[in-house]
Protein backbone atom coordinates (compact mmCIF):
# COMPACT_ATOMS: atom_id res chain seq x y z
CA MET A 1 -17.34 22.01 22.93
CA ARG A 2 -15.19 21.19 19.87
CA ALA A 3 -17.38 19.97 17.70
CA ILE A 4 -16.34 18.26 13.81
CA ILE A 5 -18.63 18.18 11.48
CA TYR A 6 -18.37 14.80 8.51
CA ALA A 7 -20.37 14.89 5.61
CA ARG A 8 -20.77 11.68 2.84
CA TYR A 9 -22.83 10.61 -0.08
CA SER A 10 -22.82 7.19 -1.98
CA SER A 11 -23.50 7.82 -5.49
CA ASP A 12 -21.40 9.93 -9.15
CA ASN A 13 -25.38 10.39 -9.77
CA GLN A 14 -25.38 12.64 -6.89
CA ARG A 15 -25.01 15.79 -6.35
CA GLU A 16 -21.79 17.29 -5.47
CA ALA A 17 -23.86 20.38 -3.38
CA SER A 18 -25.40 17.50 -1.56
CA ILE A 19 -21.72 17.28 0.77
CA ASP A 20 -22.62 21.03 1.26
CA ASP A 21 -25.89 21.06 2.00
CA GLN A 22 -24.92 18.45 4.65
CA VAL A 23 -22.78 20.53 6.30
CA GLU A 24 -24.84 23.71 6.44
CA VAL A 25 -27.72 21.04 8.60
CA CYS A 26 -24.70 20.49 10.55
CA LYS A 27 -23.13 23.69 11.56
CA ARG A 28 -26.41 25.12 12.39
CA PHE A 29 -27.30 22.40 14.41
CA VAL A 30 -24.07 22.96 15.88
CA GLU A 31 -24.69 26.77 16.10
CA LYS A 32 -28.35 26.23 18.11
CA GLN A 33 -25.64 24.40 21.08
CA GLY A 34 -23.38 27.10 21.44
CA TRP A 35 -20.75 24.68 20.32
CA SER A 36 -18.06 25.87 17.54
CA VAL A 37 -16.58 23.70 14.34
CA VAL A 38 -13.30 23.32 14.45
CA ARG A 39 -12.72 20.64 11.19
CA THR A 40 -14.92 19.43 8.05
CA PHE A 41 -14.50 15.87 6.93
CA THR A 42 -16.48 14.82 4.01
CA ASP A 43 -16.16 12.09 1.52
CA ALA A 44 -17.60 12.85 -2.21
CA ALA A 45 -19.20 9.73 -4.07
CA VAL A 46 -17.85 7.14 -1.39
CA SER A 47 -20.13 3.92 -0.47
CA GLY A 48 -20.49 3.85 3.34
CA ALA A 49 -20.28 0.09 3.51
CA SER A 50 -16.18 -0.12 3.89
CA ARG A 51 -14.82 2.42 6.97
CA PHE A 52 -11.54 2.60 4.47
CA ARG A 53 -12.49 5.57 3.18
CA PRO A 54 -10.24 8.66 2.91
CA GLY A 55 -12.13 11.24 5.31
CA TYR A 56 -13.42 8.68 7.46
CA GLN A 57 -9.94 7.35 7.96
CA SER A 58 -9.09 11.03 8.95
CA LEU A 59 -11.60 11.85 11.47
CA LEU A 60 -11.00 8.62 13.22
CA GLY A 61 -7.06 9.51 13.32
CA ALA A 62 -8.23 12.90 15.11
CA LEU A 63 -10.57 10.71 17.05
CA ASP A 64 -7.44 8.99 18.50
CA LYS A 65 -5.33 12.27 19.12
CA ARG A 66 -8.34 13.84 21.11
CA GLN A 67 -8.87 16.95 18.77
CA PHE A 68 -12.99 16.93 19.39
CA ASP A 69 -15.88 16.61 22.15
CA VAL A 70 -18.05 15.95 19.27
CA ILE A 71 -19.15 14.68 16.43
CA VAL A 72 -22.18 16.07 14.05
CA VAL A 73 -23.12 14.42 11.54
CA GLU A 74 -26.40 14.60 9.52
CA ALA A 75 -28.18 11.42 10.13
CA LEU A 76 -26.07 8.10 11.09
CA ASP A 77 -25.82 5.97 8.39
CA ARG A 78 -23.27 9.03 7.21
CA LEU A 79 -21.11 7.52 8.94
CA GLY A 80 -21.40 3.72 7.52
CA ARG A 81 -24.32 1.28 6.53
CA LYS A 82 -22.59 -1.37 8.85
CA LEU A 83 -23.64 -2.13 11.93
CA ALA A 84 -20.09 -3.15 12.79
CA ASP A 85 -18.30 -0.27 11.43
CA ILE A 86 -20.78 2.39 13.23
CA ALA A 87 -20.58 0.06 16.61
CA ASP A 88 -17.33 0.08 16.63
CA LEU A 89 -17.19 4.24 16.24
CA HIS A 90 -19.94 4.14 19.18
CA ASP A 91 -17.13 1.66 21.28
CA ARG A 92 -14.36 4.47 20.11
CA CYS A 93 -15.77 7.61 20.80
CA THR A 94 -17.19 6.09 24.64
CA PHE A 95 -13.64 5.26 24.83
CA ALA A 96 -12.32 8.95 24.23
CA GLY A 97 -14.79 10.82 26.00
CA VAL A 98 -16.51 12.04 22.66
CA LYS A 99 -19.88 12.39 22.15
CA LEU A 100 -21.80 12.22 19.20
CA PHE A 101 -24.56 13.43 17.67
CA ALA A 102 -26.76 13.06 14.83
CA VAL A 103 -28.96 16.51 13.30
CA ASN A 104 -31.97 14.13 13.22
CA VAL A 105 -31.99 12.11 16.33
CA GLY A 106 -30.12 13.71 18.84
CA GLU A 107 -27.26 12.24 20.53
CA ILE A 108 -26.32 8.91 19.40
CA GLY A 109 -26.76 6.32 22.85
CA ALA A 110 -26.08 2.40 22.14
CA MET A 111 -29.68 2.16 21.50
CA HIS A 112 -29.59 4.22 18.55
CA ILE A 113 -26.58 2.80 17.15
CA GLY A 114 -28.16 -0.94 17.94
CA MET A 115 -31.57 0.17 15.80
CA LEU A 116 -30.55 2.72 13.31
CA GLY A 117 -27.15 0.32 12.62
CA THR A 118 -29.32 -2.56 11.74
CA MET A 119 -31.73 -0.43 9.45
CA ALA A 120 -28.60 0.91 7.47
CA GLN A 121 -26.78 -2.33 7.07
CA LEU A 122 -30.73 -3.58 6.32
CA TYR A 123 -30.61 -0.96 3.65
CA LEU A 124 -27.29 -1.71 2.03
CA ALA A 125 -28.29 -5.66 1.76
CA ASP A 126 -31.39 -4.00 -0.02
CA LEU A 127 -29.72 -2.12 -1.99
CA SER A 128 -27.26 -4.72 -3.38
CA GLU A 129 -30.10 -7.48 -3.73
CA LYS A 130 -32.00 -4.50 -5.71
CA THR A 131 -29.00 -3.82 -8.28
CA TRP A 132 -28.06 -6.90 -8.77
CA ARG A 133 -31.58 -7.60 -9.74
CA GLY A 134 -31.64 -4.81 -12.28
CA GLN A 135 -28.21 -6.14 -14.07
CA LEU A 136 -29.63 -9.10 -14.10
CA GLY A 137 -32.96 -7.77 -16.50
CA ARG A 138 -30.66 -5.96 -18.40
CA ALA A 139 -28.48 -9.24 -19.43
CA LEU A 140 -31.94 -12.10 -19.46
CA GLN A 141 -32.51 -8.40 -22.20
CA GLY A 142 -29.52 -9.14 -23.82
CA LYS A 143 -27.79 -5.78 -22.31
CA ALA A 144 -24.82 -4.79 -21.27
CA PRO A 145 -25.26 -4.46 -17.22
CA GLY A 146 -21.36 -3.55 -16.99
CA GLY A 147 -19.54 -1.17 -19.44
CA LYS A 148 -18.71 -1.56 -23.07
CA ALA A 149 -16.54 -4.02 -24.01
CA TYR A 150 -13.13 -3.74 -27.34
CA GLY A 151 -15.29 -3.93 -29.93
CA TYR A 152 -18.37 -2.21 -29.70
CA ASP A 153 -19.63 0.37 -29.09
CA LEU A 154 -23.02 1.71 -26.34
CA VAL A 155 -25.92 3.10 -27.68
CA PRO A 156 -27.72 6.09 -26.71
CA GLY A 157 -31.05 6.03 -26.10
CA ASN A 158 -33.07 7.95 -28.75
CA GLY A 159 -36.85 7.19 -27.61
CA ILE A 160 -37.26 4.70 -29.83
CA GLY A 161 -34.04 1.96 -30.21
CA GLY A 162 -30.96 1.94 -28.20
CA GLY A 163 -30.89 2.81 -24.03
CA PRO A 164 -28.63 1.45 -20.93
CA GLY A 165 -27.33 -1.59 -21.94
CA GLU A 166 -27.28 -1.61 -24.93
CA ARG A 167 -24.49 -1.69 -28.00
CA ARG A 168 -23.21 -1.46 -31.37
CA ILE A 169 -20.42 -3.77 -33.18
CA LYS A 170 -17.51 -0.89 -33.63
CA LEU A 171 -16.19 -2.29 -37.09
CA VAL A 172 -12.42 -1.60 -37.33
CA GLU A 173 -12.51 -2.62 -33.24
CA ALA A 174 -14.18 -5.94 -34.31
CA ALA A 175 -11.21 -6.68 -36.99
CA VAL A 176 -8.95 -6.62 -34.66
CA VAL A 177 -10.70 -9.19 -32.06
CA ARG A 178 -11.24 -11.27 -35.44
CA ARG A 179 -7.18 -10.85 -36.37
CA ILE A 180 -6.41 -11.89 -32.80
CA PHE A 181 -8.27 -15.07 -32.36
CA GLN A 182 -7.19 -16.29 -35.57
CA GLU A 183 -3.83 -15.13 -34.75
CA TYR A 184 -3.71 -17.46 -31.61
CA ALA A 185 -5.79 -19.85 -33.23
CA ALA A 186 -2.31 -20.38 -35.50
CA GLY A 187 0.23 -20.75 -32.61
CA ARG A 188 0.93 -17.16 -31.82
CA SER A 189 1.72 -16.13 -28.48
CA PRO A 190 -0.62 -13.33 -26.91
CA LEU A 191 3.29 -11.80 -26.02
CA ALA A 192 4.01 -11.87 -30.09
CA ILE A 193 0.35 -10.64 -30.93
CA ALA A 194 0.60 -8.12 -28.73
CA SER A 195 4.09 -6.84 -29.92
CA THR A 196 3.00 -7.08 -33.01
CA LEU A 197 -0.03 -4.61 -32.45
CA ASN A 198 2.30 -2.32 -30.83
CA ALA A 199 4.55 -2.53 -33.70
CA GLU A 200 1.74 -1.51 -35.90
CA GLY A 201 0.40 1.60 -33.68
CA VAL A 202 -3.15 -0.02 -33.12
CA PRO A 203 -4.52 1.21 -30.29
CA GLY A 204 -5.90 -1.57 -27.39
CA PRO A 205 -8.36 -0.82 -25.35
CA GLY A 206 -9.26 2.62 -23.23
CA GLY A 207 -6.30 3.82 -26.16
CA ARG A 208 -3.74 2.06 -24.03
CA PRO A 209 -0.74 -0.16 -26.13
CA TRP A 210 -1.29 -3.63 -25.29
CA ALA A 211 0.05 -6.19 -23.22
CA ASP A 212 -0.37 -10.64 -23.57
CA SER A 213 -2.43 -9.83 -20.34
CA THR A 214 -5.26 -7.91 -21.62
CA ILE A 215 -4.88 -10.52 -24.40
CA ARG A 216 -4.57 -13.87 -22.63
CA GLY A 217 -7.42 -12.53 -19.55
CA GLN A 218 -7.80 -15.44 -17.10
CA VAL A 219 -10.00 -18.17 -18.18
CA ASP A 220 -11.58 -19.12 -14.96
CA ARG A 221 -13.32 -15.50 -14.42
CA GLY A 222 -13.85 -15.05 -17.99
CA THR A 223 -11.30 -11.81 -18.27
CA GLY A 224 -9.15 -10.36 -21.22
CA LEU A 225 -9.79 -10.63 -25.12
CA LEU A 226 -9.89 -14.57 -25.47
CA ASN A 227 -12.70 -15.18 -22.88
CA ASN A 228 -14.55 -13.13 -23.57
CA ALA A 229 -18.29 -15.15 -25.20
CA LEU A 230 -19.56 -11.80 -26.29
CA TYR A 231 -17.55 -11.94 -30.00
CA GLY A 232 -18.93 -15.66 -29.68
CA GLY A 233 -22.20 -13.96 -30.05
CA ARG A 234 -23.17 -14.99 -25.92
CA LEU A 235 -23.38 -12.31 -23.16
CA GLU A 236 -22.28 -14.41 -19.81
CA TRP A 237 -23.55 -12.58 -16.90
CA ASN A 238 -22.50 -13.50 -13.09
CA ARG A 239 -19.34 -15.40 -13.55
CA CYS A 240 -17.89 -13.77 -10.70
CA GLY A 241 -19.47 -12.56 -7.65
CA TYR A 242 -17.41 -10.11 -5.40
CA VAL A 243 -16.86 -9.32 -2.51
CA LYS A 244 -15.58 -6.56 -0.10
CA ASP A 245 -12.86 -8.18 2.18
CA PRO A 246 -13.53 -6.41 6.01
CA ARG A 247 -9.26 -6.08 6.70
CA THR A 248 -8.86 -3.32 3.67
CA GLY A 249 -11.84 -2.90 1.88
CA LYS A 250 -11.28 -4.32 -1.22
CA ARG A 251 -13.57 -5.67 -3.75
CA VAL A 252 -12.48 -9.51 -4.24
CA ALA A 253 -13.67 -11.72 -7.26
CA ARG A 254 -14.84 -15.04 -6.99
CA PRO A 255 -15.40 -17.26 -9.34
CA ASN A 256 -19.14 -19.08 -9.29
CA PRO A 257 -20.27 -22.48 -10.06
CA THR A 258 -21.71 -22.33 -14.22
CA ASP A 259 -25.18 -23.73 -12.71
CA LYS A 260 -25.52 -19.34 -11.48
CA TRP A 261 -24.46 -17.81 -14.66
CA GLU A 262 -26.79 -16.69 -16.76
CA VAL A 263 -26.16 -16.98 -20.51
CA VAL A 264 -29.07 -15.12 -23.59
CA ALA A 265 -27.42 -15.37 -27.09
CA VAL A 266 -26.85 -12.53 -28.85
CA PRO A 267 -26.28 -13.12 -32.00
CA GLU A 268 -26.27 -9.77 -33.42
CA LEU A 269 -23.34 -8.87 -31.59
CA ARG A 270 -21.46 -12.29 -32.95
CA ILE A 271 -17.71 -10.91 -33.61
CA VAL A 272 -16.09 -14.34 -33.90
CA ASP A 273 -17.91 -17.39 -35.90
CA ASP A 274 -18.63 -20.78 -33.88
CA GLU A 275 -15.29 -22.24 -35.80
CA LEU A 276 -12.50 -19.92 -34.73
CA TRP A 277 -13.87 -19.51 -30.94
CA ASN A 278 -13.47 -23.47 -30.48
CA LYS A 279 -9.97 -23.58 -32.17
CA VAL A 280 -8.49 -20.95 -29.37
CA LYS A 281 -11.03 -22.24 -26.58
CA ALA A 282 -8.86 -26.02 -27.63
CA ARG A 283 -5.44 -24.14 -27.56
CA GLN A 284 -6.11 -22.34 -24.20
CA ARG A 285 -6.95 -26.17 -22.98
CA GLU A 286 -3.57 -27.79 -24.56
CA VAL A 287 -1.58 -24.58 -23.56
CA ARG A 288 -2.76 -24.76 -19.71
CA ASN A 289 -1.61 -28.34 -19.72
CA GLU A 290 1.73 -27.79 -21.39
CA ILE A 291 3.22 -24.86 -18.94
CA GLY A 292 0.81 -25.37 -16.17
CA ARG A 293 2.95 -26.90 -13.78
CA ASP A 294 5.91 -27.87 -13.66
CA ALA A 295 7.97 -31.09 -13.82
CA GLY A 296 8.12 -31.34 -9.65
CA GLY A 297 4.12 -30.04 -10.19
CA ASN A 298 4.61 -26.86 -8.77
CA ALA A 299 2.62 -24.05 -10.49
CA LEU A 300 4.89 -22.33 -12.29
CA ASN A 301 3.96 -18.62 -11.30
CA ARG A 302 4.54 -19.68 -7.66
CA ALA A 303 8.13 -21.31 -8.60
CA HIS A 304 9.25 -18.19 -10.15
CA ARG A 305 7.87 -15.85 -7.25
CA ARG A 306 11.40 -15.65 -5.52
CA ARG A 307 12.59 -12.79 -3.53
CA PHE A 308 16.61 -11.60 -5.16
CA LEU A 309 18.18 -9.76 -3.02
CA LEU A 310 17.92 -6.60 -5.57
CA SER A 311 13.73 -7.92 -7.45
CA GLY A 312 11.90 -4.94 -6.54
CA LEU A 313 14.28 -1.70 -7.40
CA LEU A 314 15.85 -2.49 -10.86
CA VAL A 315 14.45 0.41 -13.19
CA CYS A 316 14.85 0.11 -17.41
CA GLY A 317 16.98 3.20 -18.33
CA ASP A 318 15.54 3.71 -20.96
CA CYS A 319 11.34 3.30 -20.41
CA GLY A 320 11.72 4.11 -16.68
CA GLY A 321 9.90 0.19 -16.72
CA ALA A 322 10.59 -2.29 -14.35
CA TYR A 323 13.87 -4.70 -14.33
CA THR A 324 12.37 -7.88 -13.79
CA ILE A 325 13.27 -12.36 -14.14
CA VAL A 326 12.26 -12.85 -17.10
CA ALA A 327 14.02 -16.43 -17.09
CA PRO A 328 15.66 -18.93 -15.10
CA ASP A 329 18.41 -16.18 -12.91
CA ARG A 330 18.09 -13.32 -15.46
CA TYR A 331 16.38 -9.94 -15.47
CA GLY A 332 15.29 -7.85 -18.36
CA CYS A 333 12.59 -5.04 -19.29
CA ALA A 334 9.43 -5.93 -18.64
CA THR A 335 7.56 -2.67 -20.87
CA ARG A 336 10.18 -4.82 -23.56
CA ARG A 337 9.20 -8.12 -22.79
CA SER A 338 5.54 -7.93 -22.15
CA LYS A 339 4.73 -4.70 -24.62
CA LYS A 340 7.79 -4.40 -27.03
CA THR A 341 7.65 -0.80 -26.96
CA CYS A 342 10.90 -0.35 -25.09
CA ARG A 343 14.10 -0.75 -27.15
CA ASN A 344 16.48 -1.89 -24.26
CA ILE A 345 16.73 -6.07 -25.67
CA LEU A 346 19.56 -5.94 -22.95
CA PHE A 347 19.28 -9.26 -20.10
CA ILE A 348 22.02 -9.50 -17.42
CA GLN A 349 22.68 -12.41 -15.25
CA ARG A 350 21.12 -12.27 -11.59
CA GLN A 351 24.36 -13.00 -9.98
CA GLU A 352 26.37 -11.16 -12.18
CA LEU A 353 24.01 -7.86 -11.55
CA GLU A 354 24.67 -8.55 -7.85
CA ASP A 355 28.12 -9.15 -7.10
CA ARG A 356 28.99 -5.48 -9.48
CA VAL A 357 26.77 -3.85 -6.76
CA LEU A 358 28.93 -5.48 -4.39
CA ALA A 359 31.69 -5.06 -5.72
CA GLY A 360 31.06 -1.26 -6.50
CA LEU A 361 30.24 -0.91 -2.65
CA LYS A 362 33.20 -2.87 -1.69
CA GLU A 363 35.54 -0.76 -3.46
CA ARG A 364 34.21 2.28 -2.47
CA MET A 365 33.72 1.27 1.48
CA LEU A 366 37.25 -0.99 1.92
CA ALA A 367 38.53 2.54 3.64
CA PRO A 368 40.19 2.38 6.62
CA GLU A 369 39.43 6.08 6.74
CA LEU A 370 35.62 5.08 7.10
CA VAL A 371 36.33 4.04 10.38
CA SER A 372 38.05 5.47 11.94
CA ALA A 373 35.40 8.22 10.98
CA PHE A 374 32.98 5.74 12.99
CA ILE A 375 35.34 5.17 15.83
CA GLU A 376 35.32 9.07 17.00
CA GLU A 377 31.25 9.59 16.54
CA PHE A 378 31.26 6.64 18.76
CA ASN A 379 33.69 7.57 21.22
CA ALA A 380 31.74 11.28 20.87
CA GLU A 381 28.33 9.84 21.60
CA LEU A 382 29.65 7.74 24.49
CA ARG A 383 30.98 10.65 25.91
CA ARG A 384 27.77 13.05 25.64
CA ILE A 385 25.99 10.00 27.06
CA SER A 386 27.99 9.67 29.55
CA GLY A 387 27.60 13.64 30.42
CA THR A 388 24.32 13.40 29.96
CA ALA A 389 23.54 10.19 32.52
CA ASP A 390 25.94 11.74 35.14
CA ALA A 391 23.97 15.39 35.18
CA ASP A 392 20.84 13.58 36.33
CA ARG A 393 22.56 11.62 38.65
CA ALA A 394 23.55 14.65 40.48
CA ALA A 395 20.04 16.32 39.86
CA ALA A 396 18.38 13.49 41.55
CA ARG A 397 20.50 13.00 43.96
CA GLN A 398 20.51 16.77 44.78
CA ALA A 399 15.96 16.75 44.40
CA LEU A 400 16.56 13.39 46.65
CA ALA A 401 18.61 15.27 49.76
CA GLY A 402 16.01 18.43 49.95
CA VAL A 403 13.16 16.57 50.57
CA GLU A 404 15.34 14.33 53.54
CA ARG A 405 15.52 17.98 54.76
CA LYS A 406 12.20 19.30 54.42
CA ILE A 407 11.47 16.11 56.14
CA ALA A 408 13.66 16.56 58.89
CA GLY A 409 12.45 19.66 59.81
CA ILE A 410 9.14 19.13 60.42
CA LEU A 411 10.40 16.11 61.68
CA ARG A 412 11.87 18.47 64.80
CA ALA A 413 8.88 20.15 64.69
CA ILE A 414 6.81 17.26 65.54
CA GLU A 415 9.40 16.68 68.47
CA ASP A 416 9.12 20.03 69.97
CA GLY A 417 5.18 19.81 70.33
CA ALA A 418 4.76 21.58 67.07
CA TYR A 419 2.30 18.59 65.80
CA ASN A 420 -1.26 19.70 63.80
CA SER A 421 -2.75 18.31 61.13
CA THR A 422 -1.25 20.59 58.07
CA LEU A 423 1.92 18.89 59.08
CA LYS A 424 1.06 15.53 58.95
CA GLU A 425 -0.44 16.45 55.38
CA ARG A 426 2.56 18.25 54.67
CA LEU A 427 4.82 15.09 56.00
CA THR A 428 2.67 12.36 54.34
CA ALA A 429 3.26 14.91 50.90
CA LEU A 430 6.44 14.91 51.26
CA GLU A 431 7.33 11.15 52.10
CA SER A 432 5.39 10.43 48.58
CA GLU A 433 7.80 13.20 47.25
CA LYS A 434 11.15 11.51 48.91
CA ALA A 435 9.80 7.76 46.97
CA ILE A 436 9.52 8.87 43.76
CA ALA A 437 12.96 10.86 43.88
CA ALA A 438 14.47 7.28 45.51
CA ALA A 439 12.88 5.89 42.46
CA LYS A 440 13.61 8.46 40.01
CA LEU A 441 17.44 7.89 41.10
CA ALA A 442 17.78 3.83 41.39
CA THR A 443 16.30 4.01 38.26
CA THR A 444 19.16 6.64 36.73
CA ASP A 445 20.72 4.98 33.46
CA THR A 446 24.96 4.16 34.34
CA VAL A 447 26.67 3.81 31.03
CA PRO A 448 28.87 1.20 31.47
CA PRO A 449 32.68 1.20 30.14
CA ILE A 450 32.54 -0.16 26.19
CA ARG A 451 35.12 -0.61 24.75
CA LEU A 452 35.78 -1.55 21.20
CA HIS A 453 37.73 -3.96 19.26
CA PRO A 454 41.19 -3.79 18.96
CA ASN A 455 41.35 -5.32 15.48
CA LEU A 456 38.11 -3.27 14.45
CA PRO A 457 39.48 -2.03 11.31
CA ALA A 458 41.04 -5.77 10.58
CA LEU A 459 37.40 -7.21 11.40
CA TYR A 460 35.45 -4.53 9.09
CA ARG A 461 37.85 -4.76 6.32
CA ARG A 462 37.24 -8.81 5.90
CA LYS A 463 33.45 -8.62 6.79
CA VAL A 464 33.10 -5.87 3.90
CA ALA A 465 35.57 -8.13 1.29
CA ALA A 466 33.29 -10.75 1.72
CA LEU A 467 30.07 -8.69 1.65
CA ALA A 468 28.52 -11.03 -1.13
CA GLU A 469 28.82 -14.28 0.51
CA ALA A 470 27.58 -12.61 4.37
CA LEU A 471 24.96 -11.53 2.20
CA ASN A 472 24.02 -14.82 0.97
CA ASP A 473 24.35 -16.79 4.23
CA PRO A 474 21.57 -18.84 4.71
CA GLY A 475 21.53 -17.11 8.90
CA THR A 476 21.78 -13.86 8.02
CA ALA A 477 20.82 -13.64 4.59
CA THR A 478 16.77 -12.50 4.90
CA GLU A 479 18.34 -9.95 8.07
CA ALA A 480 20.81 -8.86 5.96
CA GLY A 481 18.63 -8.62 2.48
CA GLU A 482 16.13 -6.37 4.48
CA ILE A 483 18.87 -3.82 5.39
CA ILE A 484 20.58 -3.96 2.12
CA ARG A 485 17.59 -3.29 0.07
CA GLY A 486 15.79 -0.57 2.48
CA LEU A 487 18.91 1.44 1.48
CA ILE A 488 18.65 1.57 -1.76
CA ASP A 489 16.09 3.63 -3.74
CA ARG A 490 16.69 2.14 -6.29
CA ILE A 491 19.20 0.47 -9.05
CA VAL A 492 19.14 2.37 -12.86
CA LEU A 493 19.83 0.00 -16.01
CA THR A 494 20.36 2.00 -18.77
CA PRO A 495 22.14 0.17 -22.33
CA VAL A 496 24.81 2.16 -23.07
CA ASP A 497 27.24 0.76 -26.60
CA GLY A 498 25.66 -2.83 -26.30
CA VAL A 499 26.27 -2.81 -21.95
CA LEU A 500 23.75 -1.88 -19.41
CA HIS A 501 25.60 0.78 -17.00
CA ALA A 502 23.89 0.38 -13.16
CA GLU A 503 23.37 3.40 -11.38
CA LEU A 504 22.40 2.85 -7.63
CA HIS A 505 19.76 5.88 -5.95
CA GLY A 506 19.64 5.90 -2.01
CA ASP A 507 21.09 6.02 1.59
CA LEU A 508 23.21 3.37 0.92
CA VAL A 509 25.02 5.94 -1.78
CA THR A 510 25.48 8.29 0.84
CA LEU A 511 27.89 5.87 3.22
CA ALA A 512 29.99 4.91 -0.18
CA VAL A 513 30.63 8.28 -1.20
CA PHE A 514 31.68 9.64 2.28
CA ALA A 515 33.61 6.47 2.29
CA GLU A 516 35.30 7.97 -0.42
CA ARG A 517 35.66 12.04 0.62
CA ARG A 518 36.85 10.58 3.78
CA LYS A 519 39.95 8.42 2.18
CA SER A 520 40.56 11.84 0.10
CA LYS A 521 40.18 13.83 3.04
CA ASN A 522 37.67 16.29 2.16
CA SER A 523 35.42 16.72 5.06
CA ASP A 524 32.67 17.30 3.52
CA PRO A 525 30.02 13.86 3.88
CA LYS A 526 27.82 15.32 1.81
CA GLY A 527 27.65 13.76 -1.59
CA PRO A 528 25.67 12.79 -5.16
CA GLU A 529 21.69 11.19 -5.12
CA LEU A 530 23.56 8.24 -7.59
CA LEU A 531 26.97 6.59 -8.17
CA SER A 532 28.45 4.36 -11.00
CA VAL A 533 28.96 1.31 -9.93
CA VAL A 534 29.98 -0.04 -13.51
CA ALA A 535 33.21 0.39 -15.87
CA GLY A 536 33.36 -0.57 -19.11
CA ALA A 537 31.61 -4.25 -19.98
């Protein structure tokens, strides 16, 4: 019996050796049964509340491939703490003919799944409740239920003061917080504030550069520096609840109604006075009313989520960040826009870039030699397929004729009076072989005569010449765009003497270079991995 071992522990606070201990216990159990361990899967510091664990998913993949006969764990809850996940694993094991063993109870059956799986899920629910209760207790004492915020330091426990959740104001960062509140209240945007701080070399949270989203955040969820009530001397906890999406295993935040919030006054942690706080909140409301929706009442965020031909493929050659739509039909460096840490200030119209890329491709692919190469390869492949099909049909006919000869021999022997049970069984088997051989012959593919259009080169040239129009045709734009995007790895936009140069990377380059080399009578189809698609301005 081929056995695999699975081991897991949940918390970073547990010992790393916990995995080794579980594996050792399981190995002894396997040896006692006389089995052999073929593989070990582990998940360290990963909760059993979700099945989306790397080691567990690898186990499921090996299960689907029938790479073992037995799964061994120290206890059933190591496999997971959700009844649905454990029951699903049991069903998959049953289908695959794989047995499931836990060292503490032996072979796992349906009854164990129901009882132990339910207990594991109840433990998980109880743990979640106790964790929430512990965080509530900290919040009611004015202590941090989670990590520290920008502007504060955690106070280490010393037996007299401090301890888990205790914080104190960090004066240097507190001054930055007040400055951000004052500048925003005075009318500056989060983007402008972030750009100035980065230009001055002021480190942001975690030492990272400032971004407008770090400052702006989301008002409804209380995220972002401008929405942290702690700066106003209040601890607001339980503004959001978190649930796991069962399809992905990812946590999803859901804002709670205000009556579920826990608000505690912590005046000793105040950084911003009430007057400044209220000015910021008033300006946030004004901004949301002004730019929250367009003239048609549509959310602006939603209106900008258009998928263009080259969206997601553009890279800034100066900083390596993404080039995104920063204005209607205009691309710009996203890093420059959000952080001002990139020197690339050049923009480019979407239509201009698409035309430039497509024109560069069209110029190289408008080569009759490329069509000739295609016709040669097409005809060669057609001949190969036809030859293979002919050989398969000949082999099938030969096999059928051989079976029929054997059947005829047995029939002659029976007619001569040599009938017995052995001949009868052999005749039955041959009749079955004949049916299989006849079916195979009937299903052997025949290659129909195929002729390429006599005017194919001209048709090709006409299609490539109208490449931009073809890609923007409403009937084919989506499919054609996906094909083009699938052949492009990235397009690097680099400012050179005030002009953006575009370099195309990906499989599409190979096609273009192949056409170029065929045109120059160079038979080597391999070309560079990038292609410049701009000359001059």
